[in-house]
Amino acid sequence: QVQLVESGGGLVQPGGSLRLSCAASGGTVSGYNMGWFRQVPGKEREFVAAITHTGNSQYYVGFAKGRFTISRDNAKNTLYLRMSSLRTEDTAVYYCAAGAWAKVPINDPRADYDYWGQGTQVTVSS
Protein backbone atom coordinates (compact mmCIF):
# COMPACT_ATOMS: atom_id res chain seq x y z
CA GLN A 1 0.00 0.00 0.00
CA VAL A 2 1.54 3.28 -1.12
CA GLN A 3 1.23 6.28 1.16
CA LEU A 4 1.73 9.80 -0.17
CA VAL A 5 2.61 12.79 1.98
CA GLU A 6 2.71 16.32 0.60
CA SER A 7 4.80 19.13 2.04
CA GLY A 8 6.09 22.55 1.09
CA GLY A 9 2.87 24.51 1.22
CA GLY A 10 2.55 27.80 3.02
CA LEU A 11 1.87 31.50 2.69
CA VAL A 12 3.46 33.33 -0.22
CA GLN A 13 2.97 36.76 -1.74
CA PRO A 14 1.55 37.20 -5.23
CA GLY A 15 4.32 36.76 -7.77
CA GLY A 16 6.24 34.47 -5.45
CA SER A 17 7.27 30.85 -5.79
CA LEU A 18 6.88 27.60 -3.90
CA ARG A 19 8.01 24.04 -4.42
CA LEU A 20 5.71 21.29 -3.25
CA SER A 21 6.97 17.80 -2.55
CA CYS A 22 5.13 14.51 -2.40
CA ALA A 23 7.02 11.73 -0.65
CA ALA A 24 5.91 8.16 -1.21
CA SER A 25 6.37 5.30 1.21
CA GLY A 26 5.19 1.73 1.52
CA GLY A 27 6.32 0.91 -2.00
CA THR A 28 8.02 2.35 -5.04
CA VAL A 29 6.12 4.73 -7.30
CA SER A 30 8.41 4.13 -10.27
CA GLY A 31 5.61 2.20 -11.95
CA TYR A 32 3.02 4.92 -11.41
CA ASN A 33 2.09 7.99 -13.36
CA MET A 34 1.64 10.81 -10.87
CA GLY A 35 -0.31 14.01 -10.74
CA TRP A 36 -1.06 17.16 -8.80
CA PHE A 37 -4.56 18.40 -8.10
CA ARG A 38 -5.94 21.27 -6.07
CA GLN A 39 -9.19 22.10 -4.35
CA VAL A 40 -10.81 25.19 -2.93
CA PRO A 41 -13.56 24.77 -0.32
CA GLY A 42 -16.93 24.55 -2.00
CA LYS A 43 -15.46 23.71 -5.39
CA GLU A 44 -14.60 20.51 -7.20
CA ARG A 45 -11.09 19.17 -7.13
CA GLU A 46 -9.12 20.52 -10.09
CA PHE A 47 -6.40 18.85 -12.11
CA VAL A 48 -3.09 20.74 -12.26
CA ALA A 49 -0.44 18.58 -13.92
CA ALA A 50 0.73 15.00 -14.38
CA ILE A 51 3.92 13.17 -15.26
CA THR A 52 4.65 9.73 -16.64
CA HIS A 53 6.23 7.04 -14.49
CA THR A 54 9.54 7.56 -16.29
CA GLY A 55 9.40 11.32 -15.96
CA ASN A 56 9.81 11.71 -19.72
CA SER A 57 6.48 13.40 -20.40
CA GLN A 58 4.40 15.98 -18.59
CA TYR A 59 0.93 17.39 -19.09
CA TYR A 60 -0.42 20.66 -17.72
CA VAL A 61 -3.82 22.25 -17.51
CA GLY A 62 -4.08 25.72 -19.02
CA PHE A 63 -3.51 27.86 -15.95
CA ALA A 64 -0.41 25.85 -15.01
CA LYS A 65 1.38 26.09 -18.34
CA GLY A 66 4.44 28.31 -18.19
CA ARG A 67 4.13 28.86 -14.42
CA PHE A 68 4.20 25.38 -12.88
CA THR A 69 6.69 22.56 -13.42
CA ILE A 70 6.05 18.97 -12.41
CA SER A 71 9.00 16.67 -11.92
CA ARG A 72 9.92 13.51 -10.09
CA ASP A 73 12.91 11.71 -8.64
CA ASN A 74 12.20 7.99 -8.65
CA ALA A 75 15.39 7.29 -6.73
CA LYS A 76 13.95 9.37 -3.89
CA ASN A 77 10.38 8.17 -4.46
CA THR A 78 9.32 11.81 -4.60
CA LEU A 79 7.18 13.99 -6.82
CA TYR A 80 7.57 17.77 -7.06
CA LEU A 81 5.60 20.77 -8.22
CA ARG A 82 7.49 23.99 -8.71
CA MET A 83 5.10 26.93 -8.80
CA SER A 84 6.11 30.43 -9.81
CA SER A 85 4.36 33.73 -10.60
CA LEU A 86 1.75 32.69 -8.06
CA ARG A 87 -1.61 34.43 -8.08
CA THR A 88 -4.24 34.80 -5.38
CA GLU A 89 -6.44 32.42 -7.35
CA ASP A 90 -3.83 29.69 -6.89
CA THR A 91 -4.80 29.52 -3.23
CA ALA A 92 -6.00 25.97 -2.54
CA VAL A 93 -5.16 22.67 -0.92
CA TYR A 94 -2.81 20.82 -3.23
CA TYR A 95 -2.91 17.03 -3.47
CA CYS A 96 -0.64 14.53 -5.14
CA ALA A 97 -1.84 11.26 -6.58
CA ALA A 98 -0.39 8.11 -8.10
CA GLY A 99 -1.93 5.76 -10.63
CA ALA A 100 -0.68 2.65 -12.39
CA TRP A 101 0.96 3.79 -15.63
CA ALA A 102 -1.07 1.42 -17.78
CA LYS A 103 -4.34 2.64 -16.32
CA VAL A 104 -3.88 6.36 -15.82
CA PRO A 105 -3.07 8.47 -18.89
CA ILE A 106 -1.41 11.73 -17.88
CA ASN A 107 -3.54 13.77 -20.29
CA ASP A 108 -6.83 12.69 -18.71
CA PRO A 109 -7.71 15.04 -15.82
CA ARG A 110 -10.48 12.65 -14.78
CA ALA A 111 -8.33 9.52 -14.71
CA ASP A 112 -8.87 7.19 -11.77
CA TYR A 113 -5.75 7.52 -9.64
CA ASP A 114 -5.10 4.78 -7.10
CA TYR A 115 -3.48 6.66 -4.22
CA TRP A 116 -3.88 10.17 -2.81
CA GLY A 117 -2.08 12.28 -0.28
CA GLN A 118 -3.73 14.30 2.48
CA GLY A 119 -2.95 17.66 0.90
CA THR A 120 -0.91 20.74 1.70
CA GLN A 121 -2.33 24.25 1.95
CA VAL A 122 -1.02 26.95 -0.38
CA THR A 123 -2.12 30.49 0.36
CA VAL A 124 -1.20 33.33 -1.97
CA SER A 125 -1.85 36.65 -0.32
CA SER A 126 -0.24 40.00 0.30
C-alpha atoms as a PDB file:
ATOM      1  CA  GLN A   1       0.000   0.000   0.000  1.00  0.00           C
ATOM      2  CA  VAL A   2       1.537   3.278  -1.122  1.00  0.00           C
ATOM      3  CA  GLN A   3       1.226   6.281   1.158  1.00  0.00           C
ATOM      4  CA  LEU A   4       1.732   9.799  -0.174  1.00  0.00           C
ATOM      5  CA  VAL A   5       2.607  12.793   1.982  1.00  0.00           C
ATOM      6  CA  GLU A   6       2.706  16.318   0.596  1.00  0.00           C
ATOM      7  CA  SER A   7       4.805  19.128   2.041  1.00  0.00           C
ATOM      8  CA  GLY A   8       6.086  22.552   1.095  1.00  0.00           C
ATOM      9  CA  GLY A   9       2.867  24.508   1.224  1.00  0.00           C
ATOM     10  CA  GLY A  10       2.548  27.798   3.024  1.00  0.00           C
ATOM     11  CA  LEU A  11       1.874  31.502   2.693  1.00  0.00           C
ATOM     12  CA  VAL A  12       3.457  33.333  -0.225  1.00  0.00           C
ATOM     13  CA  GLN A  13       2.969  36.764  -1.741  1.00  0.00           C
ATOM     14  CA  PRO A  14       1.554  37.204  -5.230  1.00  0.00           C
ATOM     15  CA  GLY A  15       4.325  36.757  -7.767  1.00  0.00           C
ATOM     16  CA  GLY A  16       6.242  34.472  -5.448  1.00  0.00           C
ATOM     17  CA  SER A  17       7.273  30.847  -5.789  1.00  0.00           C
ATOM     18  CA  LEU A  18       6.884  27.600  -3.904  1.00  0.00           C
ATOM     19  CA  ARG A  19       8.011  24.037  -4.418  1.00  0.00           C
ATOM     20  CA  LEU A  20       5.713  21.292  -3.253  1.00  0.00           C
ATOM     21  CA  SER A  21       6.971  17.798  -2.554  1.00  0.00           C
ATOM     22  CA  CYS A  22       5.128  14.509  -2.398  1.00  0.00           C
ATOM     23  CA  ALA A  23       7.022  11.735  -0.651  1.00  0.00           C
ATOM     24  CA  ALA A  24       5.907   8.164  -1.208  1.00  0.00           C
ATOM     25  CA  SER A  25       6.375   5.296   1.205  1.00  0.00           C
ATOM     26  CA  GLY A  26       5.192   1.728   1.520  1.00  0.00           C
ATOM     27  CA  GLY A  27       6.321   0.910  -1.996  1.00  0.00           C
ATOM     28  CA  THR A  28       8.024   2.346  -5.041  1.00  0.00           C
ATOM     29  CA  VAL A  29       6.124   4.728  -7.299  1.00  0.00           C
ATOM     30  CA  SER A  30       8.413   4.129 -10.273  1.00  0.00           C
ATOM     31  CA  GLY A  31       5.608   2.198 -11.954  1.00  0.00           C
ATOM     32  CA  TYR A  32       3.024   4.916 -11.408  1.00  0.00           C
ATOM     33  CA  ASN A  33       2.092   7.990 -13.356  1.00  0.00           C
ATOM     34  CA  MET A  34       1.640  10.806 -10.874  1.00  0.00           C
ATOM     35  CA  GLY A  35      -0.308  14.010 -10.737  1.00  0.00           C
ATOM     36  CA  TRP A  36      -1.059  17.155  -8.798  1.00  0.00           C
ATOM     37  CA  PHE A  37      -4.556  18.403  -8.096  1.00  0.00           C
ATOM     38  CA  ARG A  38      -5.941  21.266  -6.073  1.00  0.00           C
ATOM     39  CA  GLN A  39      -9.193  22.099  -4.346  1.00  0.00           C
ATOM     40  CA  VAL A  40     -10.805  25.185  -2.934  1.00  0.00           C
ATOM     41  CA  PRO A  41     -13.564  24.774  -0.320  1.00  0.00           C
ATOM     42  CA  GLY A  42     -16.926  24.546  -1.999  1.00  0.00           C
ATOM     43  CA  LYS A  43     -15.461  23.713  -5.395  1.00  0.00           C
ATOM     44  CA  GLU A  44     -14.602  20.507  -7.202  1.00  0.00           C
ATOM     45  CA  ARG A  45     -11.090  19.169  -7.131  1.00  0.00           C
ATOM     46  CA  GLU A  46      -9.124  20.522 -10.089  1.00  0.00           C
ATOM     47  CA  PHE A  47      -6.399  18.847 -12.106  1.00  0.00           C
ATOM     48  CA  VAL A  48      -3.093  20.740 -12.265  1.00  0.00           C
ATOM     49  CA  ALA A  49      -0.438  18.579 -13.919  1.00  0.00           C
ATOM     50  CA  ALA A  50       0.727  14.996 -14.380  1.00  0.00           C
ATOM     51  CA  ILE A  51       3.917  13.171 -15.263  1.00  0.00           C
ATOM     52  CA  THR A  52       4.655   9.729 -16.640  1.00  0.00           C
ATOM     53  CA  HIS A  53       6.228   7.039 -14.485  1.00  0.00           C
ATOM     54  CA  THR A  54       9.544   7.556 -16.289  1.00  0.00           C
ATOM     55  CA  GLY A  55       9.405  11.317 -15.962  1.00  0.00           C
ATOM     56  CA  ASN A  56       9.812  11.707 -19.715  1.00  0.00           C
ATOM     57  CA  SER A  57       6.482  13.396 -20.404  1.00  0.00           C
ATOM     58  CA  GLN A  58       4.400  15.975 -18.585  1.00  0.00           C
ATOM     59  CA  TYR A  59       0.926  17.393 -19.093  1.00  0.00           C
ATOM     60  CA  TYR A  60      -0.424  20.658 -17.719  1.00  0.00           C
ATOM     61  CA  VAL A  61      -3.819  22.251 -17.515  1.00  0.00           C
ATOM     62  CA  GLY A  62      -4.082  25.717 -19.024  1.00  0.00           C
ATOM     63  CA  PHE A  63      -3.506  27.857 -15.945  1.00  0.00           C
ATOM     64  CA  ALA A  64      -0.406  25.849 -15.009  1.00  0.00           C
ATOM     65  CA  LYS A  65       1.376  26.092 -18.342  1.00  0.00           C
ATOM     66  CA  GLY A  66       4.436  28.308 -18.186  1.00  0.00           C
ATOM     67  CA  ARG A  67       4.130  28.858 -14.424  1.00  0.00           C
ATOM     68  CA  PHE A  68       4.202  25.377 -12.880  1.00  0.00           C
ATOM     69  CA  THR A  69       6.686  22.561 -13.420  1.00  0.00           C
ATOM     70  CA  ILE A  70       6.048  18.973 -12.413  1.00  0.00           C
ATOM     71  CA  SER A  71       9.002  16.666 -11.922  1.00  0.00           C
ATOM     72  CA  ARG A  72       9.920  13.512 -10.092  1.00  0.00           C
ATOM     73  CA  ASP A  73      12.906  11.705  -8.643  1.00  0.00           C
ATOM     74  CA  ASN A  74      12.198   7.990  -8.649  1.00  0.00           C
ATOM     75  CA  ALA A  75      15.395   7.286  -6.727  1.00  0.00           C
ATOM     76  CA  LYS A  76      13.945   9.371  -3.889  1.00  0.00           C
ATOM     77  CA  ASN A  77      10.381   8.170  -4.465  1.00  0.00           C
ATOM     78  CA  THR A  78       9.320  11.812  -4.596  1.00  0.00           C
ATOM     79  CA  LEU A  79       7.177  13.994  -6.818  1.00  0.00           C
ATOM     80  CA  TYR A  80       7.572  17.766  -7.057  1.00  0.00           C
ATOM     81  CA  LEU A  81       5.604  20.768  -8.220  1.00  0.00           C
ATOM     82  CA  ARG A  82       7.490  23.989  -8.713  1.00  0.00           C
ATOM     83  CA  MET A  83       5.098  26.932  -8.803  1.00  0.00           C
ATOM     84  CA  SER A  84       6.114  30.428  -9.808  1.00  0.00           C
ATOM     85  CA  SER A  85       4.361  33.730 -10.602  1.00  0.00           C
ATOM     86  CA  LEU A  86       1.750  32.692  -8.058  1.00  0.00           C
ATOM     87  CA  ARG A  87      -1.608  34.431  -8.084  1.00  0.00           C
ATOM     88  CA  THR A  88      -4.236  34.803  -5.379  1.00  0.00           C
ATOM     89  CA  GLU A  89      -6.440  32.423  -7.345  1.00  0.00           C
ATOM     90  CA  ASP A  90      -3.826  29.687  -6.889  1.00  0.00           C
ATOM     91  CA  THR A  91      -4.795  29.516  -3.234  1.00  0.00           C
ATOM     92  CA  ALA A  92      -5.996  25.969  -2.543  1.00  0.00           C
ATOM     93  CA  VAL A  93      -5.157  22.671  -0.917  1.00  0.00           C
ATOM     94  CA  TYR A  94      -2.814  20.815  -3.235  1.00  0.00           C
ATOM     95  CA  TYR A  95      -2.914  17.032  -3.473  1.00  0.00           C
ATOM     96  CA  CYS A  96      -0.642  14.526  -5.137  1.00  0.00           C
ATOM     97  CA  ALA A  97      -1.845  11.258  -6.580  1.00  0.00           C
ATOM     98  CA  ALA A  98      -0.388   8.105  -8.096  1.00  0.00           C
ATOM     99  CA  GLY A  99      -1.928   5.762 -10.632  1.00  0.00           C
ATOM    100  CA  ALA A 100      -0.684   2.653 -12.388  1.00  0.00           C
ATOM    101  CA  TRP A 101       0.956   3.790 -15.626  1.00  0.00           C
ATOM    102  CA  ALA A 102      -1.068   1.416 -17.785  1.00  0.00           C
ATOM    103  CA  LYS A 103      -4.342   2.643 -16.320  1.00  0.00           C
ATOM    104  CA  VAL A 104      -3.880   6.363 -15.822  1.00  0.00           C
ATOM    105  CA  PRO A 105      -3.069   8.469 -18.885  1.00  0.00           C
ATOM    106  CA  ILE A 106      -1.409  11.727 -17.883  1.00  0.00           C
ATOM    107  CA  ASN A 107      -3.538  13.773 -20.291  1.00  0.00           C
ATOM    108  CA  ASP A 108      -6.832  12.692 -18.705  1.00  0.00           C
ATOM    109  CA  PRO A 109      -7.714  15.039 -15.825  1.00  0.00           C
ATOM    110  CA  ARG A 110     -10.476  12.655 -14.782  1.00  0.00           C
ATOM    111  CA  ALA A 111      -8.330   9.520 -14.708  1.00  0.00           C
ATOM    112  CA  ASP A 112      -8.866   7.191 -11.768  1.00  0.00           C
ATOM    113  CA  TYR A 113      -5.754   7.515  -9.637  1.00  0.00           C
ATOM    114  CA  ASP A 114      -5.097   4.780  -7.096  1.00  0.00           C
ATOM    115  CA  TYR A 115      -3.483   6.662  -4.223  1.00  0.00           C
ATOM    116  CA  TRP A 116      -3.884  10.165  -2.814  1.00  0.00           C
ATOM    117  CA  GLY A 117      -2.076  12.283  -0.275  1.00  0.00           C
ATOM    118  CA  GLN A 118      -3.728  14.295   2.476  1.00  0.00           C
ATOM    119  CA  GLY A 119      -2.953  17.656   0.902  1.00  0.00           C
ATOM    120  CA  THR A 120      -0.911  20.736   1.699  1.00  0.00           C
ATOM    121  CA  GLN A 121      -2.327  24.254   1.949  1.00  0.00           C
ATOM    122  CA  VAL A 122      -1.016  26.946  -0.380  1.00  0.00           C
ATOM    123  CA  THR A 123      -2.120  30.486   0.357  1.00  0.00           C
ATOM    124  CA  VAL A 124      -1.198  33.326  -1.975  1.00  0.00           C
ATOM    125  CA  SER A 125      -1.849  36.649  -0.320  1.00  0.00           C
ATOM    126  CA  SER A 126      -0.238  39.996   0.300  1.00  0.00           C
END
